[in-house]
Every structure is written in structure tokens, then in C-alpha cells.
C-alpha atoms as a PDB file:
ATOM      1  CA  MET A   1     -19.209 -20.313 -11.380  1.00  0.00           C
ATOM      2  CA  ALA A   2     -17.128 -23.537 -10.937  1.00  0.00           C
ATOM      3  CA  ASN A   3     -14.448 -24.050  -8.347  1.00  0.00           C
ATOM      4  CA  ARG A   4     -14.999 -20.512  -6.593  1.00  0.00           C
ATOM      5  CA  LEU A   5     -12.565 -19.837  -4.069  1.00  0.00           C
ATOM      6  CA  ARG A   6     -14.348 -19.975  -0.548  1.00  0.00           C
ATOM      7  CA  LEU A   7     -13.466 -17.026   1.875  1.00  0.00           C
ATOM      8  CA  ALA A   8     -13.853 -16.159   5.413  1.00  0.00           C
ATOM      9  CA  VAL A   9     -13.762 -12.401   5.948  1.00  0.00           C
ATOM     10  CA  VAL A  10     -12.518 -11.615   9.744  1.00  0.00           C
ATOM     11  CA  GLY A  11     -14.096  -8.661  10.718  1.00  0.00           C
ATOM     12  CA  PRO A  12     -17.634  -6.559  10.114  1.00  0.00           C
ATOM     13  CA  GLY A  13     -16.337  -3.275  10.642  1.00  0.00           C
ATOM     14  CA  ALA A  14     -15.558  -0.017   8.371  1.00  0.00           C
ATOM     15  CA  PHE A  15     -12.710  -2.043   6.523  1.00  0.00           C
ATOM     16  CA  GLY A  16     -14.553  -5.541   6.499  1.00  0.00           C
ATOM     17  CA  VAL A  17     -17.040  -3.872   4.677  1.00  0.00           C
ATOM     18  CA  LYS A  18     -14.954  -2.240   1.888  1.00  0.00           C
ATOM     19  CA  HIS A  19     -13.524  -5.741   1.082  1.00  0.00           C
ATOM     20  CA  LEU A  20     -17.125  -7.358   0.721  1.00  0.00           C
ATOM     21  CA  GLU A  21     -18.203  -4.874  -1.562  1.00  0.00           C
ATOM     22  CA  GLY A  22     -15.246  -5.812  -3.440  1.00  0.00           C
ATOM     23  CA  LEU A  23     -15.703  -9.085  -3.433  1.00  0.00           C
ATOM     24  CA  ARG A  24     -18.932  -9.103  -4.685  1.00  0.00           C
ATOM     25  CA  ALA A  25     -17.824  -7.851  -7.933  1.00  0.00           C
ATOM     26  CA  ILE A  26     -15.198 -10.567  -8.226  1.00  0.00           C
ATOM     27  CA  PRO A  27     -16.885 -13.694  -9.911  1.00  0.00           C
ATOM     28  CA  GLU A  28     -14.492 -16.047  -8.464  1.00  0.00           C
ATOM     29  CA  ALA A  29     -15.075 -15.165  -4.979  1.00  0.00           C
ATOM     30  CA  GLU A  30     -17.547 -16.850  -2.509  1.00  0.00           C
ATOM     31  CA  VAL A  31     -17.640 -15.166   1.045  1.00  0.00           C
ATOM     32  CA  ALA A  32     -18.770 -18.675   2.897  1.00  0.00           C
ATOM     33  CA  VAL A  33     -18.297 -16.915   6.309  1.00  0.00           C
ATOM     34  CA  LEU A  34     -18.266 -13.652   8.127  1.00  0.00           C
ATOM     35  CA  VAL A  35     -16.660 -13.674  11.553  1.00  0.00           C
ATOM     36  CA  GLY A  36     -16.793 -10.915  14.088  1.00  0.00           C
ATOM     37  CA  GLN A  37     -18.046  -9.615  17.054  1.00  0.00           C
ATOM     38  CA  PRO A  38     -20.580  -8.553  18.480  1.00  0.00           C
ATOM     39  CA  LEU A  39     -22.775 -11.169  16.374  1.00  0.00           C
ATOM     40  CA  GLU A  40     -25.621  -8.886  16.126  1.00  0.00           C
ATOM     41  CA  GLN A  41     -23.241  -6.523  14.122  1.00  0.00           C
ATOM     42  CA  ALA A  42     -21.665  -9.610  11.925  1.00  0.00           C
ATOM     43  CA  ARG A  43     -24.947 -10.934  11.446  1.00  0.00           C
ATOM     44  CA  ALA A  44     -26.662  -7.592   9.727  1.00  0.00           C
ATOM     45  CA  VAL A  45     -23.395  -7.248   7.401  1.00  0.00           C
ATOM     46  CA  ALA A  46     -23.701 -11.060   6.852  1.00  0.00           C
ATOM     47  CA  GLU A  47     -27.464 -10.467   5.831  1.00  0.00           C
ATOM     48  CA  THR A  48     -26.576  -7.192   3.592  1.00  0.00           C
ATOM     49  CA  PHE A  49     -23.911  -9.387   1.373  1.00  0.00           C
ATOM     50  CA  ALA A  50     -25.999 -13.004   1.944  1.00  0.00           C
ATOM     51  CA  ILE A  51     -23.085 -14.430   3.525  1.00  0.00           C
ATOM     52  CA  PRO A  52     -24.618 -17.969   4.829  1.00  0.00           C
ATOM     53  CA  ALA A  53     -22.662 -18.206   8.063  1.00  0.00           C
ATOM     54  CA  VAL A  54     -21.586 -16.052  10.742  1.00  0.00           C
ATOM     55  CA  LEU A  55     -19.040 -17.354  13.476  1.00  0.00           C
ATOM     56  CA  ALA A  56     -17.940 -15.479  16.529  1.00  0.00           C
ATOM     57  CA  SER A  57     -13.878 -16.854  16.759  1.00  0.00           C
ATOM     58  CA  LEU A  58     -11.313 -17.067  13.898  1.00  0.00           C
ATOM     59  CA  ASP A  59     -10.496 -20.338  15.598  1.00  0.00           C
ATOM     60  CA  ASP A  60     -13.859 -21.526  14.204  1.00  0.00           C
ATOM     61  CA  VAL A  61     -12.696 -20.606  10.938  1.00  0.00           C
ATOM     62  CA  LEU A  62      -9.413 -22.272  10.693  1.00  0.00           C
ATOM     63  CA  ALA A  63     -10.978 -25.812  11.499  1.00  0.00           C
ATOM     64  CA  ARG A  64     -13.006 -25.820   8.453  1.00  0.00           C
ATOM     65  CA  PRO A  65     -11.428 -27.732   5.655  1.00  0.00           C
ATOM     66  CA  ASP A  66     -13.895 -25.871   3.445  1.00  0.00           C
ATOM     67  CA  ILE A  67     -12.359 -22.416   3.852  1.00  0.00           C
ATOM     68  CA  ASP A  68      -9.494 -21.625   1.534  1.00  0.00           C
ATOM     69  CA  ALA A  69      -8.599 -18.168   2.182  1.00  0.00           C
ATOM     70  CA  VAL A  70      -8.923 -15.762   4.828  1.00  0.00           C
ATOM     71  CA  ILE A  71      -8.861 -11.786   4.571  1.00  0.00           C
ATOM     72  CA  LEU A  72      -8.323 -10.228   7.943  1.00  0.00           C
ATOM     73  CA  ALA A  73      -9.747  -6.784   8.551  1.00  0.00           C
ATOM     74  CA  THR A  74      -9.394  -6.926  12.603  1.00  0.00           C
ATOM     75  CA  PRO A  75      -7.700  -4.566  15.052  1.00  0.00           C
ATOM     76  CA  THR A  76      -4.324  -3.525  13.976  1.00  0.00           C
ATOM     77  CA  PRO A  77      -2.831  -5.526  17.451  1.00  0.00           C
ATOM     78  CA  MET A  78      -4.297  -8.652  16.582  1.00  0.00           C
ATOM     79  CA  HIS A  79      -2.783  -8.634  12.490  1.00  0.00           C
ATOM     80  CA  ALA A  80       0.465 -10.577  12.890  1.00  0.00           C
ATOM     81  CA  ALA A  81      -0.775 -12.996  15.269  1.00  0.00           C
ATOM     82  CA  GLN A  82      -4.046 -13.879  13.371  1.00  0.00           C
ATOM     83  CA  ALA A  83      -2.319 -13.834  10.281  1.00  0.00           C
ATOM     84  CA  MET A  84       0.436 -16.533  11.384  1.00  0.00           C
ATOM     85  CA  ALA A  85      -2.785 -18.547  12.986  1.00  0.00           C
ATOM     86  CA  CYS A  86      -4.053 -18.795   9.449  1.00  0.00           C
ATOM     87  CA  LEU A  87      -0.755 -20.044   7.894  1.00  0.00           C
ATOM     88  CA  ARG A  88      -0.053 -22.339  10.489  1.00  0.00           C
ATOM     89  CA  ALA A  89      -3.919 -23.671   9.831  1.00  0.00           C
ATOM     90  CA  GLY A  90      -2.847 -23.743   6.213  1.00  0.00           C
ATOM     91  CA  LYS A  91      -5.030 -21.081   4.803  1.00  0.00           C
ATOM     92  CA  HIS A  92      -3.823 -18.364   2.248  1.00  0.00           C
ATOM     93  CA  VAL A  93      -4.100 -15.118   4.021  1.00  0.00           C
ATOM     94  CA  GLU A  94      -4.626 -11.337   3.073  1.00  0.00           C
ATOM     95  CA  VAL A  95      -4.036  -9.221   6.094  1.00  0.00           C
ATOM     96  CA  GLU A  96      -4.638  -5.589   6.303  1.00  0.00           C
ATOM     97  CA  ILE A  97      -2.480  -2.868   6.540  1.00  0.00           C
ATOM     98  CA  PRO A  98      -0.146  -3.215   9.060  1.00  0.00           C
ATOM     99  CA  MET A  99       0.597  -6.684   8.960  1.00  0.00           C
ATOM    100  CA  ALA A 100       2.245  -5.849  12.556  1.00  0.00           C
ATOM    101  CA  ASP A 101       2.592  -2.971  14.802  1.00  0.00           C
ATOM    102  CA  SER A 102       6.432  -3.879  15.732  1.00  0.00           C
ATOM    103  CA  LEU A 103       9.246  -4.954  13.145  1.00  0.00           C
ATOM    104  CA  ALA A 104       9.577  -8.137  15.561  1.00  0.00           C
ATOM    105  CA  ASP A 105       6.253  -9.273  14.525  1.00  0.00           C
ATOM    106  CA  ALA A 106       6.601  -8.085  10.924  1.00  0.00           C
ATOM    107  CA  GLU A 107       9.795 -10.279  10.798  1.00  0.00           C
ATOM    108  CA  ALA A 108       8.347 -13.446  11.999  1.00  0.00           C
ATOM    109  CA  LEU A 109       5.409 -13.074  10.161  1.00  0.00           C
ATOM    110  CA  ALA A 110       7.657 -13.033   7.136  1.00  0.00           C
ATOM    111  CA  ALA A 111       9.668 -15.835   8.143  1.00  0.00           C
ATOM    112  CA  LEU A 112       6.799 -18.249   8.885  1.00  0.00           C
ATOM    113  CA  ALA A 113       4.964 -16.505   5.419  1.00  0.00           C
ATOM    114  CA  ALA A 114       8.296 -17.914   3.770  1.00  0.00           C
ATOM    115  CA  ALA A 115       8.241 -21.672   5.155  1.00  0.00           C
ATOM    116  CA  SER A 116       4.280 -21.832   4.553  1.00  0.00           C
ATOM    117  CA  GLY A 117       4.169 -22.378   0.863  1.00  0.00           C
ATOM    118  CA  LYS A 118       0.613 -20.357   1.032  1.00  0.00           C
ATOM    119  CA  VAL A 119      -0.051 -16.857  -0.436  1.00  0.00           C
ATOM    120  CA  ALA A 120       0.698 -14.500   2.505  1.00  0.00           C
ATOM    121  CA  MET A 121      -0.529 -10.747   1.550  1.00  0.00           C
ATOM    122  CA  VAL A 122      -0.736  -7.327   2.877  1.00  0.00           C
ATOM    123  CA  GLY A 123      -3.280  -4.911   2.207  1.00  0.00           C
ATOM    124  CA  HIS A 124      -1.093  -2.085   1.196  1.00  0.00           C
ATOM    125  CA  THR A 125      -3.509  -0.780  -1.106  1.00  0.00           C
ATOM    126  CA  ARG A 126      -1.641   2.217  -2.893  1.00  0.00           C
ATOM    127  CA  ARG A 127       0.010  -0.327  -5.018  1.00  0.00           C
ATOM    128  CA  PHE A 128      -3.367  -0.927  -6.658  1.00  0.00           C
ATOM    129  CA  ASN A 129      -4.960   2.288  -6.878  1.00  0.00           C
ATOM    130  CA  PRO A 130      -5.324   3.220 -10.413  1.00  0.00           C
ATOM    131  CA  SER A 131      -3.999   6.670  -9.949  1.00  0.00           C
ATOM    132  CA  HIS A 132      -0.643   5.116  -8.505  1.00  0.00           C
ATOM    133  CA  GLN A 133      -0.971   2.599 -11.015  1.00  0.00           C
ATOM    134  CA  TRP A 134      -0.671   5.132 -13.782  1.00  0.00           C
ATOM    135  CA  VAL A 135       2.114   6.890 -12.359  1.00  0.00           C
ATOM    136  CA  ARG A 136       4.157   3.518 -12.105  1.00  0.00           C
ATOM    137  CA  ARG A 137       3.704   2.463 -15.891  1.00  0.00           C
ATOM    138  CA  ARG A 138       5.145   5.628 -17.173  1.00  0.00           C
ATOM    139  CA  ILE A 139       7.934   4.997 -14.744  1.00  0.00           C
ATOM    140  CA  ALA A 140       8.406   1.524 -15.650  1.00  0.00           C
ATOM    141  CA  ALA A 141       8.056   2.716 -19.410  1.00  0.00           C
ATOM    142  CA  GLY A 142      11.178   5.112 -19.109  1.00  0.00           C
ATOM    143  CA  GLY A 143       9.213   8.223 -19.418  1.00  0.00           C
ATOM    144  CA  LEU A 144       9.106   9.183 -15.664  1.00  0.00           C
ATOM    145  CA  HIS A 145      11.530   9.767 -12.725  1.00  0.00           C
ATOM    146  CA  ILE A 146      10.475  10.430  -9.060  1.00  0.00           C
ATOM    147  CA  GLN A 147      12.248  13.563  -7.859  1.00  0.00           C
ATOM    148  CA  GLN A 148      10.151  13.919  -4.429  1.00  0.00           C
ATOM    149  CA  LEU A 149       7.015  12.465  -3.222  1.00  0.00           C
ATOM    150  CA  ASP A 150       5.194  14.740  -1.072  1.00  0.00           C
ATOM    151  CA  ALA A 151       2.418  13.195   0.959  1.00  0.00           C
ATOM    152  CA  GLN A 152      -0.217  14.429   3.351  1.00  0.00           C
ATOM    153  CA  THR A 153      -2.283  11.902   5.515  1.00  0.00           C
ATOM    154  CA  TYR A 154      -4.586  13.793   7.813  1.00  0.00           C
ATOM    155  CA  PHE A 155      -7.551  12.849   9.853  1.00  0.00           C
ATOM    156  CA  PHE A 156      -9.235  14.396  13.027  1.00  0.00           C
ATOM    157  CA  ARG A 157      -8.941  11.785  15.409  1.00  0.00           C
ATOM    158  CA  ARG A 158      -8.846  13.153  19.273  1.00  0.00           C
ATOM    159  CA  ARG A 159     -11.306  10.607  20.171  1.00  0.00           C
ATOM    160  CA  ASN A 160     -10.953   7.088  19.997  1.00  0.00           C
ATOM    161  CA  LEU A 161     -13.288   6.498  17.356  1.00  0.00           C
ATOM    162  CA  ASN A 162     -13.258   4.561  13.854  1.00  0.00           C
ATOM    163  CA  ALA A 163     -14.115   5.843  10.307  1.00  0.00           C
ATOM    164  CA  LEU A 164     -17.885   5.432  11.239  1.00  0.00           C
ATOM    165  CA  GLY A 165     -17.702   7.182  14.393  1.00  0.00           C
ATOM    166  CA  GLN A 166     -17.789   4.560  16.546  1.00  0.00           C
ATOM    167  CA  PRO A 167     -15.738   3.598  19.860  1.00  0.00           C
ATOM    168  CA  ARG A 168     -12.383   1.739  19.050  1.00  0.00           C
ATOM    169  CA  SER A 169     -11.180  -1.104  21.524  1.00  0.00           C
ATOM    170  CA  TRP A 170      -7.679  -0.269  20.150  1.00  0.00           C
ATOM    171  CA  THR A 171      -5.606   3.115  19.113  1.00  0.00           C
ATOM    172  CA  ASP A 172      -4.842   3.576  15.596  1.00  0.00           C
ATOM    173  CA  HIS A 173      -1.275   4.868  14.937  1.00  0.00           C
ATOM    174  CA  LEU A 174       0.674   7.422  12.453  1.00  0.00           C
ATOM    175  CA  LEU A 175       3.710   5.452  12.340  1.00  0.00           C
ATOM    176  CA  TRP A 176       2.266   1.709  12.552  1.00  0.00           C
ATOM    177  CA  HIS A 177      -0.101   2.243  10.268  1.00  0.00           C
ATOM    178  CA  HIS A 178      -0.601   5.531   8.429  1.00  0.00           C
ATOM    179  CA  ALA A 179       2.843   6.163   7.435  1.00  0.00           C
ATOM    180  CA  ALA A 180       3.474   2.630   6.113  1.00  0.00           C
ATOM    181  CA  HIS A 181       0.935   3.144   3.064  1.00  0.00           C
ATOM    182  CA  THR A 182       3.904   5.995   1.888  1.00  0.00           C
ATOM    183  CA  ILE A 183       6.978   4.634   2.885  1.00  0.00           C
ATOM    184  CA  ASP A 184       5.839   1.598   1.180  1.00  0.00           C
ATOM    185  CA  LEU A 185       4.526   3.280  -1.688  1.00  0.00           C
ATOM    186  CA  PHE A 186       7.818   5.574  -1.993  1.00  0.00           C
ATOM    187  CA  GLN A 187      10.011   2.484  -2.259  1.00  0.00           C
ATOM    188  CA  TYR A 188       7.743   0.809  -4.561  1.00  0.00           C
ATOM    189  CA  GLN A 189       7.392   3.621  -6.832  1.00  0.00           C
ATOM    190  CA  THR A 190      11.072   4.595  -6.887  1.00  0.00           C
ATOM    191  CA  GLY A 191      12.407   1.017  -7.068  1.00  0.00           C
ATOM    192  CA  SER A 192      14.798   1.978  -4.757  1.00  0.00           C
ATOM    193  CA  PRO A 193      15.381   1.043  -1.007  1.00  0.00           C
ATOM    194  CA  VAL A 194      15.298   3.713   1.451  1.00  0.00           C
ATOM    195  CA  VAL A 195      18.861   4.697   2.899  1.00  0.00           C
ATOM    196  CA  ALA A 196      18.279   7.671   5.327  1.00  0.00           C
ATOM    197  CA  ALA A 197      15.018   8.392   7.606  1.00  0.00           C
ATOM    198  CA  ASN A 198      14.376  10.770   9.680  1.00  0.00           C
ATOM    199  CA  ALA A 199      11.114  11.503  11.978  1.00  0.00           C
ATOM    200  CA  ILE A 200       9.795  14.004  14.787  1.00  0.00           C
ATOM    201  CA  ALA A 201       6.845  13.774  16.456  1.00  0.00           C
ATOM    202  CA  GLY A 202       4.952  16.122  18.136  1.00  0.00           C
ATOM    203  CA  PRO A 203       3.177  15.884  21.817  1.00  0.00           C
ATOM    204  CA  ILE A 204       1.652  12.696  23.080  1.00  0.00           C
ATOM    205  CA  HIS A 205      -2.085  12.693  23.593  1.00  0.00           C
ATOM    206  CA  PRO A 206      -2.865  12.850  27.265  1.00  0.00           C
ATOM    207  CA  GLU A 207      -5.716   9.882  27.070  1.00  0.00           C
ATOM    208  CA  LEU A 208      -4.700   8.150  23.692  1.00  0.00           C
ATOM    209  CA  GLY A 209      -0.941   7.748  24.411  1.00  0.00           C
ATOM    210  CA  ILE A 210       0.483   8.264  21.081  1.00  0.00           C
ATOM    211  CA  ALA A 211       1.607  11.261  18.928  1.00  0.00           C
ATOM    212  CA  MET A 212      -1.338  13.154  17.060  1.00  0.00           C
ATOM    213  CA  ASP A 213       1.313  14.596  14.616  1.00  0.00           C
ATOM    214  CA  MET A 214       4.285  13.478  12.848  1.00  0.00           C
ATOM    215  CA  SER A 215       7.003  14.367   9.830  1.00  0.00           C
ATOM    216  CA  ILE A 216       8.993  11.992   8.113  1.00  0.00           C
ATOM    217  CA  GLN A 217      11.617  12.517   5.622  1.00  0.00           C
ATOM    218  CA  LEU A 218      13.003   9.753   3.247  1.00  0.00           C
ATOM    219  CA  LYS A 219      16.000   9.543   1.043  1.00  0.00           C
ATOM    220  CA  ALA A 220      16.295   6.687  -1.443  1.00  0.00           C
ATOM    221  CA  ALA A 221      19.151   5.093  -3.027  1.00  0.00           C
ATOM    222  CA  ASN A 222      18.536   6.446  -6.221  1.00  0.00           C
ATOM    223  CA  GLY A 223      18.338  10.097  -4.649  1.00  0.00           C
ATOM    224  CA  ALA A 224      14.516  10.556  -4.758  1.00  0.00           C
ATOM    225  CA  ILE A 225      13.273  12.002  -1.666  1.00  0.00           C
ATOM    226  CA  CYS A 226       9.833  12.115   0.158  1.00  0.00           C
ATOM    227  CA  THR A 227       8.388  14.341   2.720  1.00  0.00           C
ATOM    228  CA  LEU A 228       5.191  13.064   4.331  1.00  0.00           C
ATOM    229  CA  SER A 229       3.260  14.762   6.975  1.00  0.00           C
ATOM    230  CA  LEU A 230       0.563  13.095   9.142  1.00  0.00           C
ATOM    231  CA  SER A 231      -2.201  14.471  11.781  1.00  0.00           C
ATOM    232  CA  PHE A 232      -4.931  13.657  13.933  1.00  0.00           C
ATOM    233  CA  ASN A 233      -5.392  17.251  14.591  1.00  0.00           C
ATOM    234  CA  ASN A 234      -6.753  17.933  10.974  1.00  0.00           C
ATOM    235  CA  ASP A 235     -10.093  19.532  11.345  1.00  0.00           C
ATOM    236  CA  GLY A 236     -10.890  19.871   7.817  1.00  0.00           C
ATOM    237  CA  PRO A 237     -10.885  17.625   4.367  1.00  0.00           C
ATOM    238  CA  PHE A 238      -9.245  14.323   5.643  1.00  0.00           C
ATOM    239  CA  GLY A 239      -7.637  11.395   3.793  1.00  0.00           C
ATOM    240  CA  SER A 240      -4.297  10.920   2.062  1.00  0.00           C
ATOM    241  CA  PHE A 241      -2.997  12.901  -0.785  1.00  0.00           C
ATOM    242  CA  PHE A 242       0.147  12.675  -2.705  1.00  0.00           C
ATOM    243  CA  ARG A 243       2.016  14.711  -4.719  1.00  0.00           C
ATOM    244  CA  TYR A 244       4.473  13.139  -7.606  1.00  0.00           C
ATOM    245  CA  ILE A 245       7.236  15.657  -8.792  1.00  0.00           C
ATOM    246  CA  CYS A 246       9.109  14.232 -11.334  1.00  0.00           C
ATOM    247  CA  ASP A 247      11.206  15.061 -14.084  1.00  0.00           C
ATOM    248  CA  ASN A 248       8.345  15.335 -16.674  1.00  0.00           C
ATOM    249  CA  GLY A 249       5.354  16.614 -15.090  1.00  0.00           C
ATOM    250  CA  THR A 250       3.777  16.706 -11.597  1.00  0.00           C
ATOM    251  CA  TYR A 251       0.813  14.524 -10.599  1.00  0.00           C
ATOM    252  CA  LEU A 252      -1.553  14.407  -7.651  1.00  0.00           C
ATOM    253  CA  ALA A 253      -3.344  11.065  -6.185  1.00  0.00           C
ATOM    254  CA  ARG A 254      -6.327  11.162  -4.396  1.00  0.00           C
ATOM    255  CA  TYR A 255      -7.093   7.365  -3.775  1.00  0.00           C
ATOM    256  CA  ASP A 256      -8.241   6.149  -7.298  1.00  0.00           C
ATOM    257  CA  ASP A 257      -8.145   9.847  -8.823  1.00  0.00           C
ATOM    258  CA  LEU A 258      -5.075  11.319 -10.594  1.00  0.00           C
ATOM    259  CA  PHE A 259      -4.698  14.842 -11.403  1.00  0.00           C
ATOM    260  CA  ASP A 260      -1.863  16.673 -13.201  1.00  0.00           C
ATOM    261  CA  GLY A 261      -0.025  19.615 -11.402  1.00  0.00           C
ATOM    262  CA  LYS A 262      -2.466  22.139 -12.769  1.00  0.00           C
ATOM    263  CA  GLU A 263      -5.650  20.284 -11.385  1.00  0.00           C
ATOM    264  CA  GLN A 264      -6.738  18.897 -14.640  1.00  0.00           C
ATOM    265  CA  ARG A 265      -8.355  15.607 -13.811  1.00  0.00           C
ATOM    266  CA  ILE A 266      -6.342  12.837 -15.583  1.00  0.00           C
ATOM    267  CA  ASP A 267      -8.628   9.557 -17.003  1.00  0.00           C
ATOM    268  CA  VAL A 268      -7.467   6.421 -15.321  1.00  0.00           C
ATOM    269  CA  SER A 269     -10.498   4.492 -16.035  1.00  0.00           C
ATOM    270  CA  ASP A 270      -8.614   2.238 -18.557  1.00  0.00           C
ATOM    271  CA  VAL A 271      -5.618   1.425 -15.971  1.00  0.00           C
ATOM    272  CA  ASP A 272      -7.229  -1.614 -14.456  1.00  0.00           C
ATOM    273  CA  VAL A 273     -10.660  -3.581 -14.552  1.00  0.00           C
ATOM    274  CA  SER A 274     -12.073  -1.575 -11.809  1.00  0.00           C
ATOM    275  CA  MET A 275     -11.380   1.690 -10.005  1.00  0.00           C
ATOM    276  CA  ASN A 276     -11.889   0.584  -6.665  1.00  0.00           C
ATOM    277  CA  GLY A 277      -8.535  -0.070  -5.479  1.00  0.00           C
ATOM    278  CA  ILE A 278      -9.555  -2.565  -2.673  1.00  0.00           C
ATOM    279  CA  GLU A 279     -11.392  -4.604  -5.292  1.00  0.00           C
ATOM    280  CA  LEU A 280      -8.093  -4.740  -7.210  1.00  0.00           C
ATOM    281  CA  GLN A 281      -6.043  -5.714  -4.183  1.00  0.00           C
ATOM    282  CA  ASP A 282      -8.563  -8.527  -3.595  1.00  0.00           C
ATOM    283  CA  ARG A 283      -8.321  -9.660  -7.132  1.00  0.00           C
ATOM    284  CA  GLU A 284      -4.860  -9.746  -6.661  1.00  0.00           C
ATOM    285  CA  PHE A 285      -4.971 -11.862  -3.568  1.00  0.00           C
ATOM    286  CA  LEU A 286      -7.560 -14.441  -5.286  1.00  0.00           C
ATOM    287  CA  ALA A 287      -5.214 -14.526  -8.685  1.00  0.00           C
ATOM    288  CA  ALA A 288      -2.022 -15.357  -6.970  1.00  0.00           C
ATOM    289  CA  ILE A 289      -3.893 -18.327  -5.202  1.00  0.00           C
ATOM    290  CA  ARG A 290      -5.237 -19.816  -8.404  1.00  0.00           C
ATOM    291  CA  GLU A 291      -1.818 -19.218 -10.354  1.00  0.00           C
ATOM    292  CA  GLY A 292       0.359 -20.591  -7.430  1.00  0.00           C
ATOM    293  CA  ARG A 293       2.324 -17.077  -7.290  1.00  0.00           C
ATOM    294  CA  GLU A 294       3.876 -14.307  -5.347  1.00  0.00           C
ATOM    295  CA  PRO A 295       1.403 -11.766  -5.176  1.00  0.00           C
ATOM    296  CA  ASN A 296       2.229  -8.028  -5.419  1.00  0.00           C
ATOM    297  CA  ALA A 297       1.982  -6.855  -1.820  1.00  0.00           C
ATOM    298  CA  SER A 298       3.451  -9.856  -0.374  1.00  0.00           C
ATOM    299  CA  VAL A 299       4.607 -10.335   2.925  1.00  0.00           C
ATOM    300  CA  ARG A 300       7.886 -10.449   1.922  1.00  0.00           C
ATOM    301  CA  GLN A 301       7.970  -7.709  -0.584  1.00  0.00           C
ATOM    302  CA  VAL A 302       6.229  -5.042   2.265  1.00  0.00           C
ATOM    303  CA  LEU A 303       8.623  -6.072   4.955  1.00  0.00           C
ATOM    304  CA  PRO A 304      11.569  -3.431   3.998  1.00  0.00           C
ATOM    305  CA  CYS A 305       8.537  -0.553   4.640  1.00  0.00           C
ATOM    306  CA  TYR A 306       8.293  -2.114   8.541  1.00  0.00           C
ATOM    307  CA  GLN A 307      11.940  -2.058   8.723  1.00  0.00           C
ATOM    308  CA  VAL A 308      12.263   1.509   8.204  1.00  0.00           C
ATOM    309  CA  MET A 309       9.385   2.030  10.482  1.00  0.00           C
ATOM    310  CA  GLY A 310      11.370   0.122  13.222  1.00  0.00           C
ATOM    311  CA  MET A 311      14.396   2.137  12.648  1.00  0.00           C
ATOM    312  CA  LEU A 312      11.919   5.541  12.791  1.00  0.00           C
ATOM    313  CA  GLU A 313      10.595   4.155  16.026  1.00  0.00           C
ATOM    314  CA  ARG A 314      13.786   3.651  17.574  1.00  0.00           C
ATOM    315  CA  GLN A 315      14.781   7.170  16.401  1.00  0.00           C
ATOM    316  CA  LEU A 316      11.816   8.467  17.898  1.00  0.00           C
ATOM    317  CA  ALA A 317      12.330   6.590  21.488  1.00  0.00           C
ATOM    318  CA  ALA A 318      15.703   8.173  21.556  1.00  0.00           C
ATOM    319  CA  VAL A 319      14.828  11.538  21.495  1.00  0.00           C
END
């Protein structure tokens, strides 16, 4: 295909692979470079996806004029600094969720993105899952109003391992990562800002230094409420599950799949061109670049989520 966008994907881990799987289904995407260490791992992934070049450093990519855009699937503590480096180098950037692990860094990234003239997008995948898109379309049509979003995010993470069971060089966080999905989704689906937020956290893990359990309550300006339970102690089915309790039906969203309140599956296969939320997210990133517009889940659009997390962080610190 002529005029394909040349991309660099940074991070050969579990989520980098998810992006690569999505990108190979997008004709206008050409992954020209994979960046990551150890190089042996990066080369193995590059071979699987027929990526011609492997580099060890993001700086090496940013110096290349033939790279149009960068997708960052790197450890959370690197996100804000790396995204800002991409923008300063004149590259469009899609950074995985969360875009920062502090409000100060999120606001700094938002300010730079606004001044850059480049597409700057965050991987808030729930906006793109066909299940959540189905609900949103009915809200937009006026036939559905959310009364409560009841969300559960459960993992078993008592050791510092990633989704593939490999040791992590950084520590994941219930608030500054997993809660971000739901806080943003709640404001996005209700179309209303959070005006009240409360959080309580369980004991701090003696080695990981984080709360392993958390409960968050939110209220939107339009009166809708959200109840979010998060745990790294759940020894059972893991993932994020959403119950939309509405004025005209109840719906259960499990990633890209949707069910009604009686557990009857709803066909969402015609909602979008794919049933893969990550692929749809990447399609939006590339379309925004081609069309010269702001993408859904732009840095600007998701910043209110990080402002809520900043408020909850201050609340938890004061307890």
C-alpha cells in the first residue's frame, strides 16, 4: 500500500505484542522498527512479526526522519518522559495507559501535546472495545442512561510478575493504572465529569510497597454513580468486568464481549471493523494522523481522569 505510515513500537513485552498483533491487521501500518531490551527478546519478537530493524534505545528511533509515529508499550514509570521525548522529536505518539503515574507529569504531557501540533493519544482501550461502544451508541441515541457503573478489576499479583509470569523491573499500581480504565470510562460513557470521589485502600504489601486492595466510589455531575473494586489478591478468574445498570436495561461488559443482565450474549460483531479493542485503538491513532485531527482518547480528553486520580491519591495519603 502506498504512503503507509512507518511506525516504531517500543517494548517487546506482553502489551507490545498485543499492539503488533493489531497492527498487522491494518493495511496502512508499517512497523519499521521494534525497540526493546534484552535485544534477544526483541529480535525474537521482530522475527515473528517480520519487523526489519531492532534497536535498543528510543533515542535511536527519534533520530530517524523516516519514522512517522511511535507506540509506547513500556513500563509505566517511563510513559510520560518517553511520550514527551517523542513529541519534542516531532513524532506522533500513542502511549499505553496510564500516560503518567502522577498528576504533575500528566499535566506536563498534556501541555506539551497541546503545543506540539502532533497526534498524542493514550491507550484507554475501554473506549474502543466493541462491548462498550455498543453501550455508548445507545446512550448517544437517547435510549439509555447509566444509573450506576459497577466495575471489578481483579488480578493475582502477590509477586512482581507481568502478564506472562516474568519478573517485572517496576511495580504495577491499582490506582495509577487499573483504576484509570474505569474512571475514564465512567466519565466518557456518562458524558459528565466526576464531582465526588472517595477511596479506601487495604494494607500495604511489605515487599511491593503498594496497596493490594482498593475500593473507589465516584459520582458524576449528572447523578450517575460508579462503584469500583480492585484487587491484586484475587486467586480466581482475573480481568476487568463492568456492569452497566441503566434506566432501560442492565449490561455486562467483559473486554470485547457483551451480555445482558440475564447473561444472554449480545452480538456486537457489527459494531466496528474488528472485535479486537487494541486493534481498534491503533486504527484510531493512525486515522487521526492521516486526517489531521484529534483522536478519541487524546491526551487532552483523558486528562480529567488523571485529575480524579490525583485527588484520590491525596485523599489516600491523608488517611
